[in-house]
Amino acid sequence: MQIAAVILAAGASTRFGSPKQAARFGERTMLEAVVAVAEAAGLHPVIAVVPSGVAVPRDVLRAINDDPAAGMSQSLRLGLAAVGMDVDGAVILLGDQPTLDPSVIRRLLSDGGGRPVVAAHAEGRIGPPVLIRRAAFALADDATRDDGLRKVLASHPELVTMIPVAAHAPDVDTPGDLERLG
């Protein structure tokens, strides 16, 4: 079974003050760090949804979101539309979570059972990463603004296998967040 990575990295970075995708995280950009997580988990192809003018690492497919203000849900739909028909599903990742452990993704891939969506669950909520099988891609049509799949999946719990994790990977929203992550 072939599973893609869809990295949502087209936000306007208003709280960050500059494009987060290009911010340095150690020896890499933040986007490169998330791509490395996807590759370490065995996801292929890797698709990054970015605004116009943002470069993506080599061997990463680029989906353009020309309207970052439309929210994460727009990026989600664009990313899933870029997944080739020969791919069975996609793991949705956020471009501002460079410390996500690839083992969490591998757990989603191995513990999913027969349901079309497998999501990490911690702190009383589901969140990324989320594995969505092709049969459930249409759920993204119901997502609105910056909610992504969270509200849609909450209204369809019968479609979701929740995988307990210790905590969700922290988002980088400000330069201070990035500094705290090291």
N, C-alpha and C. Protein backbone atom coordinates (compact mmCIF):
# COMPACT_ATOMS: atom_id res chain seq x y z
N MET A 1 0.84 -1.17 0.00
CA MET A 1 0.00 0.00 0.00
C MET A 1 0.89 1.24 0.00
N GLN A 2 0.62 2.15 -0.93
CA GLN A 2 1.42 3.38 -1.04
C GLN A 2 0.66 4.54 -0.39
N ILE A 3 1.34 5.21 0.53
CA ILE A 3 0.75 6.34 1.24
C ILE A 3 1.63 7.57 1.04
N ALA A 4 1.01 8.65 0.62
CA ALA A 4 1.70 9.92 0.40
C ALA A 4 1.74 10.74 1.69
N ALA A 5 2.58 11.75 1.68
CA ALA A 5 2.56 12.78 2.72
C ALA A 5 2.03 14.04 2.07
N VAL A 6 1.10 14.70 2.74
CA VAL A 6 0.64 16.02 2.32
C VAL A 6 0.99 16.97 3.46
N ILE A 7 1.95 17.84 3.19
CA ILE A 7 2.42 18.79 4.19
C ILE A 7 1.74 20.14 3.94
N LEU A 8 0.96 20.57 4.90
CA LEU A 8 0.25 21.84 4.79
C LEU A 8 1.17 22.95 5.28
N ALA A 9 1.70 23.73 4.34
CA ALA A 9 2.70 24.77 4.67
C ALA A 9 2.43 26.05 3.89
N ALA A 10 1.14 26.40 3.76
CA ALA A 10 0.79 27.58 2.96
C ALA A 10 0.20 28.70 3.81
N GLY A 11 0.36 28.61 5.11
CA GLY A 11 -0.18 29.67 5.96
C GLY A 11 0.50 31.00 5.72
N ALA A 12 -0.13 32.06 6.14
CA ALA A 12 0.39 33.41 5.92
C ALA A 12 1.51 33.78 6.89
N SER A 13 1.75 32.99 7.93
CA SER A 13 2.83 33.22 8.90
C SER A 13 2.73 34.60 9.55
N THR A 14 1.51 35.08 9.79
CA THR A 14 1.35 36.43 10.33
C THR A 14 1.94 36.57 11.73
N ARG A 15 1.75 35.58 12.60
CA ARG A 15 2.32 35.66 13.94
C ARG A 15 3.83 35.48 13.93
N PHE A 16 4.33 34.77 12.92
CA PHE A 16 5.76 34.52 12.84
C PHE A 16 6.51 35.74 12.30
N GLY A 17 5.87 36.47 11.40
CA GLY A 17 6.48 37.68 10.87
C GLY A 17 7.26 37.52 9.59
N SER A 18 7.50 36.29 9.17
CA SER A 18 8.18 35.98 7.92
C SER A 18 7.77 34.55 7.55
N PRO A 19 8.02 34.12 6.32
CA PRO A 19 7.59 32.77 5.94
C PRO A 19 8.21 31.68 6.83
N LYS A 20 7.35 30.97 7.54
CA LYS A 20 7.83 29.91 8.46
C LYS A 20 8.53 28.79 7.70
N GLN A 21 8.06 28.51 6.49
CA GLN A 21 8.62 27.39 5.74
C GLN A 21 10.13 27.53 5.57
N ALA A 22 10.60 28.76 5.48
CA ALA A 22 12.03 29.01 5.23
C ALA A 22 12.82 29.27 6.51
N ALA A 23 12.15 29.30 7.65
CA ALA A 23 12.85 29.55 8.92
C ALA A 23 13.81 28.40 9.20
N ARG A 24 14.95 28.72 9.76
CA ARG A 24 15.97 27.71 10.06
C ARG A 24 15.58 26.93 11.31
N PHE A 25 15.66 25.62 11.18
CA PHE A 25 15.46 24.71 12.30
C PHE A 25 16.68 23.80 12.29
N GLY A 26 17.66 24.15 13.08
CA GLY A 26 18.93 23.43 13.04
C GLY A 26 19.61 23.67 11.71
N GLU A 27 20.00 22.60 11.05
CA GLU A 27 20.73 22.69 9.78
C GLU A 27 19.81 22.81 8.57
N ARG A 28 18.50 22.78 8.80
CA ARG A 28 17.52 22.77 7.70
C ARG A 28 16.53 23.90 7.86
N THR A 29 15.71 24.05 6.83
CA THR A 29 14.54 24.91 6.99
C THR A 29 13.48 24.09 7.72
N MET A 30 12.48 24.77 8.23
CA MET A 30 11.41 24.05 8.91
C MET A 30 10.70 23.10 7.94
N LEU A 31 10.48 23.53 6.70
CA LEU A 31 9.84 22.65 5.72
C LEU A 31 10.71 21.44 5.44
N GLU A 32 12.00 21.62 5.30
CA GLU A 32 12.90 20.48 5.07
C GLU A 32 12.85 19.51 6.25
N ALA A 33 12.73 20.02 7.46
CA ALA A 33 12.66 19.15 8.64
C ALA A 33 11.40 18.29 8.60
N VAL A 34 10.26 18.88 8.20
CA VAL A 34 9.01 18.11 8.14
C VAL A 34 9.08 17.10 6.99
N VAL A 35 9.68 17.48 5.87
CA VAL A 35 9.88 16.53 4.77
C VAL A 35 10.72 15.35 5.25
N ALA A 36 11.76 15.61 6.03
CA ALA A 36 12.61 14.53 6.55
C ALA A 36 11.81 13.59 7.45
N VAL A 37 10.89 14.13 8.24
CA VAL A 37 10.02 13.29 9.09
C VAL A 37 9.18 12.38 8.20
N ALA A 38 8.57 12.95 7.16
CA ALA A 38 7.73 12.16 6.26
C ALA A 38 8.52 11.04 5.59
N GLU A 39 9.71 11.38 5.13
CA GLU A 39 10.55 10.38 4.46
C GLU A 39 11.00 9.30 5.44
N ALA A 40 11.34 9.69 6.67
CA ALA A 40 11.77 8.70 7.67
C ALA A 40 10.64 7.74 8.03
N ALA A 41 9.40 8.19 7.88
CA ALA A 41 8.24 7.33 8.15
C ALA A 41 7.88 6.46 6.95
N GLY A 42 8.56 6.66 5.81
CA GLY A 42 8.31 5.84 4.63
C GLY A 42 7.19 6.34 3.74
N LEU A 43 6.80 7.60 3.87
CA LEU A 43 5.74 8.14 3.04
C LEU A 43 6.30 8.55 1.68
N HIS A 44 5.53 8.24 0.62
CA HIS A 44 5.96 8.60 -0.73
C HIS A 44 4.76 8.59 -1.65
N PRO A 45 4.59 9.59 -2.47
CA PRO A 45 5.39 10.79 -2.61
C PRO A 45 5.14 11.77 -1.47
N VAL A 46 5.99 12.77 -1.40
CA VAL A 46 5.82 13.86 -0.44
C VAL A 46 5.36 15.07 -1.23
N ILE A 47 4.23 15.64 -0.80
CA ILE A 47 3.63 16.80 -1.45
C ILE A 47 3.60 17.93 -0.42
N ALA A 48 4.12 19.08 -0.80
CA ALA A 48 4.08 20.25 0.08
C ALA A 48 3.14 21.28 -0.54
N VAL A 49 2.17 21.72 0.24
CA VAL A 49 1.27 22.78 -0.20
C VAL A 49 1.85 24.08 0.34
N VAL A 50 2.25 24.95 -0.57
CA VAL A 50 2.93 26.20 -0.22
C VAL A 50 2.34 27.36 -1.01
N PRO A 51 2.58 28.60 -0.56
CA PRO A 51 2.16 29.74 -1.36
C PRO A 51 3.05 29.90 -2.59
N SER A 52 2.59 30.67 -3.55
CA SER A 52 3.41 30.97 -4.73
C SER A 52 4.75 31.54 -4.29
N GLY A 53 5.79 31.17 -5.00
CA GLY A 53 7.11 31.73 -4.74
C GLY A 53 7.90 31.02 -3.66
N VAL A 54 7.31 30.05 -2.98
CA VAL A 54 8.04 29.31 -1.96
C VAL A 54 8.61 28.03 -2.58
N ALA A 55 9.90 27.87 -2.45
CA ALA A 55 10.57 26.69 -2.99
C ALA A 55 10.34 25.49 -2.08
N VAL A 56 10.37 24.32 -2.68
CA VAL A 56 10.28 23.08 -1.91
C VAL A 56 11.54 22.27 -2.15
N PRO A 57 11.89 21.39 -1.22
CA PRO A 57 13.08 20.57 -1.41
C PRO A 57 12.97 19.70 -2.67
N ARG A 58 14.13 19.33 -3.16
CA ARG A 58 14.19 18.44 -4.33
C ARG A 58 13.44 17.15 -4.01
N ASP A 59 12.81 16.57 -4.99
CA ASP A 59 12.04 15.33 -4.90
C ASP A 59 10.72 15.50 -4.14
N VAL A 60 10.34 16.73 -3.84
CA VAL A 60 9.06 17.00 -3.20
C VAL A 60 8.16 17.63 -4.25
N LEU A 61 6.93 17.11 -4.36
CA LEU A 61 5.96 17.68 -5.28
C LEU A 61 5.38 18.95 -4.65
N ARG A 62 5.12 19.93 -5.46
CA ARG A 62 4.64 21.22 -4.97
C ARG A 62 3.21 21.46 -5.42
N ALA A 63 2.34 21.77 -4.47
CA ALA A 63 0.98 22.21 -4.77
C ALA A 63 0.89 23.66 -4.29
N ILE A 64 0.38 24.52 -5.13
CA ILE A 64 0.36 25.95 -4.84
C ILE A 64 -1.00 26.36 -4.27
N ASN A 65 -0.96 27.05 -3.15
CA ASN A 65 -2.15 27.69 -2.60
C ASN A 65 -1.94 29.20 -2.76
N ASP A 66 -2.58 29.76 -3.78
CA ASP A 66 -2.43 31.19 -4.05
C ASP A 66 -3.23 32.07 -3.09
N ASP A 67 -4.01 31.45 -2.22
CA ASP A 67 -4.83 32.22 -1.30
C ASP A 67 -4.68 31.68 0.12
N PRO A 68 -3.51 31.91 0.75
CA PRO A 68 -3.31 31.41 2.11
C PRO A 68 -4.37 31.87 3.10
N ALA A 69 -4.98 33.03 2.85
CA ALA A 69 -6.02 33.53 3.75
C ALA A 69 -7.27 32.65 3.73
N ALA A 70 -7.41 31.79 2.74
CA ALA A 70 -8.56 30.88 2.66
C ALA A 70 -8.49 29.80 3.73
N GLY A 71 -7.34 29.67 4.37
CA GLY A 71 -7.22 28.75 5.50
C GLY A 71 -6.67 27.39 5.16
N MET A 72 -6.44 26.64 6.23
CA MET A 72 -5.85 25.31 6.12
C MET A 72 -6.72 24.36 5.30
N SER A 73 -8.03 24.53 5.36
CA SER A 73 -8.92 23.63 4.63
C SER A 73 -8.70 23.72 3.13
N GLN A 74 -8.44 24.91 2.62
CA GLN A 74 -8.13 25.08 1.20
C GLN A 74 -6.84 24.33 0.86
N SER A 75 -5.82 24.45 1.70
CA SER A 75 -4.56 23.73 1.48
C SER A 75 -4.78 22.23 1.53
N LEU A 76 -5.61 21.77 2.43
CA LEU A 76 -5.92 20.35 2.55
C LEU A 76 -6.51 19.83 1.24
N ARG A 77 -7.50 20.55 0.71
CA ARG A 77 -8.13 20.11 -0.56
C ARG A 77 -7.12 20.12 -1.71
N LEU A 78 -6.28 21.15 -1.78
CA LEU A 78 -5.27 21.22 -2.85
C LEU A 78 -4.26 20.08 -2.72
N GLY A 79 -3.84 19.79 -1.50
CA GLY A 79 -2.88 18.71 -1.29
C GLY A 79 -3.44 17.35 -1.66
N LEU A 80 -4.67 17.08 -1.24
CA LEU A 80 -5.28 15.78 -1.57
C LEU A 80 -5.53 15.66 -3.07
N ALA A 81 -5.86 16.77 -3.72
CA ALA A 81 -6.06 16.75 -5.18
C ALA A 81 -4.77 16.42 -5.92
N ALA A 82 -3.63 16.72 -5.30
CA ALA A 82 -2.33 16.46 -5.93
C ALA A 82 -1.85 15.02 -5.75
N VAL A 83 -2.55 14.25 -4.92
CA VAL A 83 -2.16 12.85 -4.69
C VAL A 83 -2.56 12.03 -5.92
N GLY A 84 -1.59 11.33 -6.48
CA GLY A 84 -1.83 10.53 -7.68
C GLY A 84 -2.84 9.42 -7.45
N MET A 85 -3.53 9.03 -8.51
CA MET A 85 -4.56 7.99 -8.42
C MET A 85 -4.00 6.63 -8.04
N ASP A 86 -2.68 6.43 -8.20
CA ASP A 86 -2.07 5.15 -7.84
C ASP A 86 -1.70 5.08 -6.35
N VAL A 87 -2.00 6.13 -5.60
CA VAL A 87 -1.67 6.19 -4.18
C VAL A 87 -2.93 5.89 -3.37
N ASP A 88 -2.78 5.10 -2.31
CA ASP A 88 -3.92 4.61 -1.54
C ASP A 88 -4.44 5.56 -0.48
N GLY A 89 -3.63 6.53 -0.09
CA GLY A 89 -4.05 7.46 0.94
C GLY A 89 -2.95 8.47 1.20
N ALA A 90 -3.20 9.33 2.19
CA ALA A 90 -2.22 10.35 2.52
C ALA A 90 -2.19 10.60 4.02
N VAL A 91 -1.02 10.90 4.52
CA VAL A 91 -0.88 11.35 5.90
C VAL A 91 -0.76 12.87 5.84
N ILE A 92 -1.65 13.54 6.56
CA ILE A 92 -1.66 14.99 6.61
C ILE A 92 -0.72 15.44 7.72
N LEU A 93 0.24 16.28 7.35
CA LEU A 93 1.23 16.81 8.29
C LEU A 93 1.18 18.34 8.23
N LEU A 94 1.57 18.98 9.31
CA LEU A 94 1.64 20.43 9.33
C LEU A 94 3.07 20.87 9.13
N GLY A 95 3.26 21.86 8.31
CA GLY A 95 4.59 22.36 7.99
C GLY A 95 5.26 23.09 9.14
N ASP A 96 4.54 23.29 10.24
CA ASP A 96 5.14 23.97 11.39
C ASP A 96 5.28 23.05 12.60
N GLN A 97 5.42 21.74 12.32
CA GLN A 97 5.66 20.75 13.39
C GLN A 97 6.93 19.95 13.08
N PRO A 98 8.09 20.62 13.13
CA PRO A 98 9.33 19.94 12.74
C PRO A 98 9.82 18.90 13.73
N THR A 99 9.24 18.83 14.92
CA THR A 99 9.71 17.86 15.92
C THR A 99 8.83 16.61 15.99
N LEU A 100 7.89 16.48 15.06
CA LEU A 100 7.05 15.28 15.04
C LEU A 100 7.93 14.05 14.91
N ASP A 101 7.65 13.05 15.71
CA ASP A 101 8.42 11.81 15.69
C ASP A 101 7.87 10.90 14.58
N PRO A 102 8.72 10.44 13.66
CA PRO A 102 8.25 9.55 12.58
C PRO A 102 7.57 8.28 13.10
N SER A 103 7.90 7.86 14.30
CA SER A 103 7.28 6.65 14.84
C SER A 103 5.78 6.83 15.05
N VAL A 104 5.33 8.06 15.28
CA VAL A 104 3.89 8.32 15.40
C VAL A 104 3.20 8.03 14.07
N ILE A 105 3.81 8.46 13.00
CA ILE A 105 3.25 8.19 11.66
C ILE A 105 3.24 6.69 11.40
N ARG A 106 4.32 6.02 11.72
CA ARG A 106 4.38 4.57 11.50
C ARG A 106 3.28 3.85 12.29
N ARG A 107 2.97 4.35 13.49
CA ARG A 107 1.87 3.74 14.28
C ARG A 107 0.54 3.93 13.57
N LEU A 108 0.31 5.10 13.00
CA LEU A 108 -0.94 5.31 12.26
C LEU A 108 -1.06 4.33 11.10
N LEU A 109 0.06 4.10 10.42
CA LEU A 109 0.07 3.21 9.26
C LEU A 109 -0.17 1.76 9.65
N SER A 110 0.26 1.37 10.84
CA SER A 110 0.16 -0.04 11.22
C SER A 110 -1.05 -0.36 12.10
N ASP A 111 -1.62 0.65 12.78
CA ASP A 111 -2.70 0.38 13.74
C ASP A 111 -4.07 0.81 13.27
N GLY A 112 -4.24 1.07 12.00
CA GLY A 112 -5.47 1.70 11.53
C GLY A 112 -6.72 0.87 11.47
N GLY A 113 -6.61 -0.44 11.42
CA GLY A 113 -7.81 -1.24 11.28
C GLY A 113 -8.49 -0.97 9.95
N GLY A 114 -9.78 -1.15 9.89
CA GLY A 114 -10.51 -1.01 8.64
C GLY A 114 -11.14 0.35 8.42
N ARG A 115 -10.98 1.29 9.33
CA ARG A 115 -11.61 2.59 9.16
C ARG A 115 -10.82 3.46 8.18
N PRO A 116 -11.52 4.39 7.51
CA PRO A 116 -10.85 5.18 6.47
C PRO A 116 -9.95 6.31 6.99
N VAL A 117 -10.04 6.64 8.28
CA VAL A 117 -9.23 7.70 8.85
C VAL A 117 -8.58 7.20 10.13
N VAL A 118 -7.30 7.50 10.29
CA VAL A 118 -6.57 7.15 11.50
C VAL A 118 -5.89 8.42 11.99
N ALA A 119 -6.16 8.79 13.24
CA ALA A 119 -5.66 10.07 13.74
C ALA A 119 -4.97 9.90 15.08
N ALA A 120 -3.95 10.72 15.28
CA ALA A 120 -3.30 10.78 16.59
C ALA A 120 -4.28 11.41 17.58
N HIS A 121 -4.29 10.89 18.82
CA HIS A 121 -5.20 11.40 19.85
C HIS A 121 -4.40 11.65 21.12
N ALA A 122 -4.45 12.89 21.60
CA ALA A 122 -3.79 13.25 22.86
C ALA A 122 -4.49 14.49 23.42
N GLU A 123 -4.36 14.65 24.70
CA GLU A 123 -4.88 15.85 25.34
C GLU A 123 -6.38 16.05 25.05
N GLY A 124 -7.11 14.93 24.91
CA GLY A 124 -8.55 15.00 24.70
C GLY A 124 -8.99 15.38 23.30
N ARG A 125 -8.07 15.41 22.33
CA ARG A 125 -8.45 15.79 20.98
C ARG A 125 -7.63 15.03 19.94
N ILE A 126 -8.20 14.95 18.74
CA ILE A 126 -7.45 14.38 17.64
C ILE A 126 -6.68 15.51 16.96
N GLY A 127 -5.63 15.14 16.28
CA GLY A 127 -4.82 16.14 15.59
C GLY A 127 -3.81 15.47 14.70
N PRO A 128 -3.04 16.29 14.01
CA PRO A 128 -2.06 15.72 13.10
C PRO A 128 -0.97 14.98 13.85
N PRO A 129 -0.45 13.95 13.22
CA PRO A 129 -0.74 13.51 11.86
C PRO A 129 -2.06 12.76 11.77
N VAL A 130 -2.64 12.81 10.58
CA VAL A 130 -3.89 12.12 10.29
C VAL A 130 -3.71 11.36 8.98
N LEU A 131 -3.98 10.06 9.03
CA LEU A 131 -3.98 9.23 7.81
C LEU A 131 -5.40 9.22 7.27
N ILE A 132 -5.53 9.59 6.01
CA ILE A 132 -6.84 9.55 5.36
C ILE A 132 -6.71 8.70 4.10
N ARG A 133 -7.49 7.64 4.08
CA ARG A 133 -7.47 6.75 2.92
C ARG A 133 -8.27 7.40 1.78
N ARG A 134 -7.93 7.02 0.56
CA ARG A 134 -8.54 7.64 -0.63
C ARG A 134 -10.07 7.66 -0.55
N ALA A 135 -10.68 6.62 -0.04
CA ALA A 135 -12.14 6.56 0.03
C ALA A 135 -12.73 7.70 0.87
N ALA A 136 -11.92 8.31 1.72
CA ALA A 136 -12.40 9.38 2.59
C ALA A 136 -11.90 10.77 2.18
N PHE A 137 -11.20 10.89 1.06
CA PHE A 137 -10.69 12.19 0.63
C PHE A 137 -11.81 13.24 0.53
N ALA A 138 -13.02 12.80 0.16
CA ALA A 138 -14.13 13.75 0.00
C ALA A 138 -14.50 14.44 1.31
N LEU A 139 -14.08 13.90 2.44
CA LEU A 139 -14.34 14.58 3.72
C LEU A 139 -13.73 15.98 3.74
N ALA A 140 -12.66 16.17 3.01
CA ALA A 140 -12.01 17.48 2.96
C ALA A 140 -12.93 18.55 2.37
N ASP A 141 -13.91 18.13 1.56
CA ASP A 141 -14.85 19.10 0.98
C ASP A 141 -15.70 19.78 2.05
N ASP A 142 -15.85 19.12 3.20
CA ASP A 142 -16.66 19.68 4.29
C ASP A 142 -15.85 20.51 5.27
N ALA A 143 -14.54 20.52 5.11
CA ALA A 143 -13.68 21.28 6.02
C ALA A 143 -13.79 22.77 5.71
N THR A 144 -13.71 23.59 6.76
CA THR A 144 -13.83 25.03 6.58
C THR A 144 -12.68 25.76 7.25
N ARG A 145 -12.29 26.85 6.63
CA ARG A 145 -11.28 27.78 7.14
C ARG A 145 -10.05 27.06 7.70
N ASP A 146 -9.66 27.41 8.93
CA ASP A 146 -8.46 26.83 9.53
C ASP A 146 -8.75 25.61 10.40
N ASP A 147 -9.96 25.07 10.32
CA ASP A 147 -10.30 23.90 11.13
C ASP A 147 -9.70 22.61 10.58
N GLY A 148 -9.32 22.60 9.30
CA GLY A 148 -8.83 21.37 8.71
C GLY A 148 -9.88 20.29 8.85
N LEU A 149 -9.44 19.09 9.20
CA LEU A 149 -10.37 17.97 9.34
C LEU A 149 -10.95 17.82 10.75
N ARG A 150 -10.47 18.58 11.71
CA ARG A 150 -10.84 18.35 13.11
C ARG A 150 -12.35 18.30 13.34
N LYS A 151 -13.10 19.31 12.91
CA LYS A 151 -14.54 19.34 13.14
C LYS A 151 -15.27 18.28 12.31
N VAL A 152 -14.80 18.07 11.09
CA VAL A 152 -15.42 17.06 10.23
C VAL A 152 -15.29 15.68 10.86
N LEU A 153 -14.11 15.36 11.35
CA LEU A 153 -13.90 14.04 11.95
C LEU A 153 -14.64 13.91 13.28
N ALA A 154 -14.76 14.99 14.02
CA ALA A 154 -15.52 14.95 15.28
C ALA A 154 -16.99 14.62 15.02
N SER A 155 -17.50 15.03 13.87
CA SER A 155 -18.90 14.73 13.54
C SER A 155 -19.08 13.36 12.89
N HIS A 156 -17.98 12.67 12.60
CA HIS A 156 -18.03 11.32 12.00
C HIS A 156 -17.11 10.37 12.75
N PRO A 157 -17.31 10.18 14.06
CA PRO A 157 -16.39 9.33 14.82
C PRO A 157 -16.36 7.88 14.35
N GLU A 158 -17.42 7.44 13.70
CA GLU A 158 -17.46 6.06 13.21
C GLU A 158 -16.45 5.81 12.09
N LEU A 159 -15.91 6.87 11.50
CA LEU A 159 -14.93 6.74 10.43
C LEU A 159 -13.49 6.77 10.92
N VAL A 160 -13.30 7.05 12.20
CA VAL A 160 -11.97 7.36 12.71
C VAL A 160 -11.49 6.33 13.73
N THR A 161 -10.27 5.85 13.51
CA THR A 161 -9.55 5.10 14.54
C THR A 161 -8.60 6.08 15.20
N MET A 162 -8.70 6.20 16.51
CA MET A 162 -7.83 7.12 17.24
C MET A 162 -6.67 6.35 17.85
N ILE A 163 -5.48 6.82 17.60
CA ILE A 163 -4.27 6.21 18.13
C ILE A 163 -3.74 7.10 19.25
N PRO A 164 -3.73 6.60 20.48
CA PRO A 164 -3.24 7.42 21.59
C PRO A 164 -1.74 7.72 21.45
N VAL A 165 -1.41 8.97 21.63
CA VAL A 165 -0.01 9.41 21.66
C VAL A 165 0.19 10.23 22.93
N ALA A 166 1.43 10.33 23.39
CA ALA A 166 1.70 11.05 24.64
C ALA A 166 1.29 12.51 24.54
N ALA A 167 1.58 13.15 23.42
CA ALA A 167 1.25 14.56 23.20
C ALA A 167 1.34 14.85 21.71
N HIS A 168 0.60 15.85 21.28
CA HIS A 168 0.73 16.30 19.90
C HIS A 168 2.03 17.08 19.76
N ALA A 169 2.66 16.99 18.60
CA ALA A 169 3.87 17.76 18.34
C ALA A 169 3.53 19.24 18.43
N PRO A 170 4.41 20.04 19.02
CA PRO A 170 4.11 21.47 19.14
C PRO A 170 4.19 22.18 17.79
N ASP A 171 3.28 23.15 17.62
CA ASP A 171 3.31 24.02 16.43
C ASP A 171 4.30 25.14 16.68
N VAL A 172 4.89 25.62 15.60
CA VAL A 172 5.74 26.80 15.67
C VAL A 172 4.91 27.95 15.09
N ASP A 173 4.44 28.83 15.97
CA ASP A 173 3.63 29.96 15.52
C ASP A 173 4.38 31.28 15.59
N THR A 174 5.39 31.36 16.46
CA THR A 174 6.15 32.60 16.64
C THR A 174 7.64 32.28 16.64
N PRO A 175 8.49 33.28 16.45
CA PRO A 175 9.93 33.04 16.56
C PRO A 175 10.31 32.49 17.94
N GLY A 176 9.59 32.90 18.98
CA GLY A 176 9.85 32.37 20.32
C GLY A 176 9.58 30.87 20.40
N ASP A 177 8.52 30.40 19.73
CA ASP A 177 8.23 28.96 19.70
C ASP A 177 9.39 28.21 19.07
N LEU A 178 9.91 28.74 17.97
CA LEU A 178 11.02 28.11 17.27
C LEU A 178 12.26 28.07 18.17
N GLU A 179 12.50 29.15 18.85
CA GLU A 179 13.65 29.23 19.76
C GLU A 179 13.54 28.19 20.88
N ARG A 180 12.34 28.02 21.42
CA ARG A 180 12.13 27.04 22.50
C ARG A 180 12.39 25.61 22.03
N LEU A 181 12.09 25.33 20.75
CA LEU A 181 12.33 23.99 20.22
C LEU A 181 13.80 23.72 19.96
N GLY A 182 14.59 24.78 19.91
CA GLY A 182 16.04 24.61 19.76
C GLY A 182 16.47 24.54 18.33
